[in-house]
N, C-alpha and C. Protein backbone atom coordinates (compact mmCIF):
# COMPACT_ATOMS: atom_id res chain seq x y z
N MET A 1 -92.62 50.05 -119.08
CA MET A 1 -91.33 50.66 -119.34
C MET A 1 -90.95 51.50 -118.13
N SER A 2 -89.71 51.45 -117.80
CA SER A 2 -89.24 52.14 -116.59
C SER A 2 -88.75 53.54 -116.92
N GLU A 3 -88.61 54.33 -115.86
CA GLU A 3 -88.06 55.68 -116.02
C GLU A 3 -86.68 55.62 -116.67
N GLY A 4 -85.88 54.62 -116.30
CA GLY A 4 -84.54 54.50 -116.86
C GLY A 4 -84.57 54.33 -118.37
N LEU A 5 -85.49 53.51 -118.85
CA LEU A 5 -85.61 53.30 -120.30
C LEU A 5 -86.03 54.58 -120.99
N ILE A 6 -87.00 55.26 -120.42
CA ILE A 6 -87.47 56.52 -121.01
C ILE A 6 -86.33 57.53 -121.05
N ASP A 7 -85.57 57.62 -119.98
CA ASP A 7 -84.42 58.53 -119.94
C ASP A 7 -83.40 58.17 -121.02
N ARG A 8 -83.10 56.87 -121.16
CA ARG A 8 -82.12 56.45 -122.17
C ARG A 8 -82.61 56.77 -123.58
N ILE A 9 -83.92 56.59 -123.83
CA ILE A 9 -84.47 56.91 -125.14
C ILE A 9 -84.32 58.40 -125.41
N GLU A 10 -84.69 59.22 -124.43
CA GLU A 10 -84.58 60.68 -124.58
C GLU A 10 -83.15 61.13 -124.83
N GLN A 11 -82.19 60.43 -124.24
CA GLN A 11 -80.78 60.81 -124.37
C GLN A 11 -80.11 60.15 -125.57
N GLY A 12 -80.83 59.28 -126.28
CA GLY A 12 -80.23 58.59 -127.42
C GLY A 12 -79.21 57.56 -127.00
N MET A 13 -79.37 56.97 -125.82
CA MET A 13 -78.39 56.02 -125.29
C MET A 13 -79.00 54.62 -125.12
N THR A 14 -79.83 54.21 -126.05
CA THR A 14 -80.51 52.92 -125.91
C THR A 14 -79.64 51.76 -126.36
N THR A 15 -80.02 50.58 -125.90
CA THR A 15 -79.32 49.35 -126.24
C THR A 15 -80.24 48.46 -127.08
N ALA A 16 -79.70 47.35 -127.56
CA ALA A 16 -80.51 46.39 -128.30
C ALA A 16 -81.61 45.82 -127.40
N MET A 17 -81.31 45.62 -126.13
CA MET A 17 -82.32 45.12 -125.20
C MET A 17 -83.45 46.14 -125.02
N ASP A 18 -83.10 47.42 -124.97
CA ASP A 18 -84.11 48.46 -124.88
C ASP A 18 -85.02 48.41 -126.11
N ALA A 19 -84.43 48.24 -127.27
CA ALA A 19 -85.21 48.17 -128.51
C ALA A 19 -86.16 46.98 -128.48
N GLU A 20 -85.71 45.86 -127.94
CA GLU A 20 -86.55 44.68 -127.85
C GLU A 20 -87.74 44.92 -126.92
N ILE A 21 -87.50 45.59 -125.81
CA ILE A 21 -88.57 45.92 -124.86
C ILE A 21 -89.62 46.79 -125.54
N VAL A 22 -89.17 47.81 -126.24
CA VAL A 22 -90.10 48.72 -126.91
C VAL A 22 -90.84 48.00 -128.03
N ALA A 23 -90.16 47.16 -128.79
CA ALA A 23 -90.81 46.43 -129.88
C ALA A 23 -91.89 45.50 -129.35
N ARG A 24 -91.61 44.82 -128.25
CA ARG A 24 -92.63 43.94 -127.65
C ARG A 24 -93.83 44.73 -127.16
N ALA A 25 -93.57 45.85 -126.52
CA ALA A 25 -94.67 46.69 -126.02
C ALA A 25 -95.53 47.19 -127.17
N MET A 26 -94.90 47.61 -128.25
CA MET A 26 -95.64 48.11 -129.41
C MET A 26 -96.47 47.00 -130.06
N ALA A 27 -95.92 45.79 -130.15
CA ALA A 27 -96.66 44.67 -130.73
C ALA A 27 -97.89 44.34 -129.89
N LYS A 28 -97.73 44.36 -128.57
CA LYS A 28 -98.87 44.09 -127.68
C LYS A 28 -99.93 45.16 -127.82
N LEU A 29 -99.51 46.41 -127.88
CA LEU A 29 -100.47 47.50 -128.04
C LEU A 29 -101.17 47.43 -129.39
N ALA A 30 -100.47 47.00 -130.42
CA ALA A 30 -101.09 46.86 -131.74
C ALA A 30 -102.18 45.79 -131.72
N ARG A 31 -101.92 44.66 -131.04
CA ARG A 31 -102.95 43.62 -130.93
C ARG A 31 -104.16 44.14 -130.16
N TYR A 32 -103.92 44.90 -129.13
CA TYR A 32 -105.00 45.48 -128.33
C TYR A 32 -105.82 46.45 -129.19
N GLU A 33 -105.14 47.27 -129.97
CA GLU A 33 -105.82 48.24 -130.83
C GLU A 33 -106.70 47.54 -131.86
N VAL A 34 -106.19 46.46 -132.46
CA VAL A 34 -106.98 45.70 -133.44
C VAL A 34 -108.23 45.14 -132.77
N ALA A 35 -108.06 44.57 -131.59
CA ALA A 35 -109.21 44.00 -130.87
C ALA A 35 -110.24 45.08 -130.55
N LEU A 36 -109.79 46.24 -130.10
CA LEU A 36 -110.72 47.33 -129.79
C LEU A 36 -111.45 47.81 -131.04
N THR A 37 -110.75 47.87 -132.16
CA THR A 37 -111.38 48.27 -133.42
C THR A 37 -112.46 47.28 -133.81
N GLU A 38 -112.17 45.99 -133.68
CA GLU A 38 -113.16 44.97 -134.00
C GLU A 38 -114.37 45.04 -133.06
N ILE A 39 -114.12 45.36 -131.80
CA ILE A 39 -115.23 45.53 -130.85
C ILE A 39 -116.11 46.70 -131.30
N ALA A 40 -115.47 47.81 -131.67
CA ALA A 40 -116.21 49.00 -132.08
C ALA A 40 -117.03 48.74 -133.35
N ILE A 41 -116.49 47.96 -134.27
CA ILE A 41 -117.18 47.72 -135.53
C ILE A 41 -118.23 46.63 -135.40
N TYR A 42 -117.86 45.51 -134.79
CA TYR A 42 -118.74 44.33 -134.79
C TYR A 42 -119.40 44.05 -133.44
N GLY A 43 -118.82 44.53 -132.35
CA GLY A 43 -119.39 44.34 -131.03
C GLY A 43 -119.51 42.90 -130.58
N ARG A 44 -118.55 42.05 -130.95
CA ARG A 44 -118.62 40.63 -130.58
C ARG A 44 -117.87 40.38 -129.28
N ALA A 45 -118.38 39.44 -128.50
CA ALA A 45 -117.76 39.09 -127.22
C ALA A 45 -116.37 38.51 -127.41
N GLU A 46 -116.16 37.74 -128.48
CA GLU A 46 -114.83 37.14 -128.69
C GLU A 46 -113.77 38.21 -128.93
N ASP A 47 -114.15 39.33 -129.56
CA ASP A 47 -113.20 40.42 -129.76
C ASP A 47 -112.87 41.10 -128.43
N ALA A 48 -113.87 41.21 -127.56
CA ALA A 48 -113.62 41.78 -126.23
C ALA A 48 -112.65 40.89 -125.46
N MET A 49 -112.79 39.58 -125.62
CA MET A 49 -111.89 38.65 -124.94
C MET A 49 -110.46 38.81 -125.47
N LYS A 50 -110.30 39.03 -126.78
CA LYS A 50 -108.97 39.26 -127.35
C LYS A 50 -108.34 40.50 -126.72
N ALA A 51 -109.14 41.54 -126.54
CA ALA A 51 -108.62 42.78 -125.94
C ALA A 51 -108.17 42.52 -124.50
N CYS A 52 -108.97 41.76 -123.76
CA CYS A 52 -108.61 41.44 -122.38
C CYS A 52 -107.31 40.63 -122.33
N GLN A 53 -107.16 39.69 -123.25
CA GLN A 53 -105.95 38.87 -123.28
C GLN A 53 -104.73 39.73 -123.63
N ALA A 54 -104.91 40.66 -124.57
CA ALA A 54 -103.80 41.53 -124.95
C ALA A 54 -103.37 42.40 -123.77
N LEU A 55 -104.35 42.90 -123.01
CA LEU A 55 -104.01 43.70 -121.82
C LEU A 55 -103.30 42.85 -120.78
N ALA A 56 -103.75 41.62 -120.60
CA ALA A 56 -103.11 40.73 -119.63
C ALA A 56 -101.67 40.46 -120.03
N GLU A 57 -101.41 40.32 -121.33
CA GLU A 57 -100.04 40.11 -121.82
C GLU A 57 -99.16 41.30 -121.49
N CYS A 58 -99.72 42.50 -121.60
CA CYS A 58 -98.94 43.71 -121.31
C CYS A 58 -98.50 43.73 -119.85
N ALA A 59 -99.33 43.19 -118.98
CA ALA A 59 -99.03 43.22 -117.55
C ALA A 59 -98.09 42.09 -117.13
N ARG A 60 -97.97 41.06 -117.96
CA ARG A 60 -97.16 39.89 -117.62
C ARG A 60 -95.73 40.10 -118.10
N PRO A 61 -94.77 40.15 -117.18
CA PRO A 61 -93.37 40.32 -117.60
C PRO A 61 -92.86 39.06 -118.30
N ARG A 62 -92.02 39.26 -119.29
CA ARG A 62 -91.42 38.14 -120.01
C ARG A 62 -89.91 38.29 -119.99
N PRO A 63 -89.20 37.17 -119.95
CA PRO A 63 -87.74 37.26 -119.97
C PRO A 63 -87.25 37.77 -121.32
N LEU A 64 -86.19 38.52 -121.29
CA LEU A 64 -85.59 39.02 -122.53
C LEU A 64 -84.51 38.08 -122.98
N SER A 65 -84.36 37.96 -124.28
CA SER A 65 -83.26 37.15 -124.79
C SER A 65 -81.98 37.95 -124.62
N VAL A 66 -80.91 37.25 -124.34
CA VAL A 66 -79.63 37.94 -124.08
C VAL A 66 -78.71 37.76 -125.25
């Protein structure tokens, strides 16, 4: 998320596209959190791989629908 988005959120001036960006980021973070929880509970390598994939998704930009 960019400084501009954070500023718009703070000022209450967000758009539908801003909401989509935030929703995608939250969904990715939720998948990462689930994977980390499973690692903490079960300690399986496949759960660690899920966490790595979720982090990679966060770093990969995706086009927004217009």
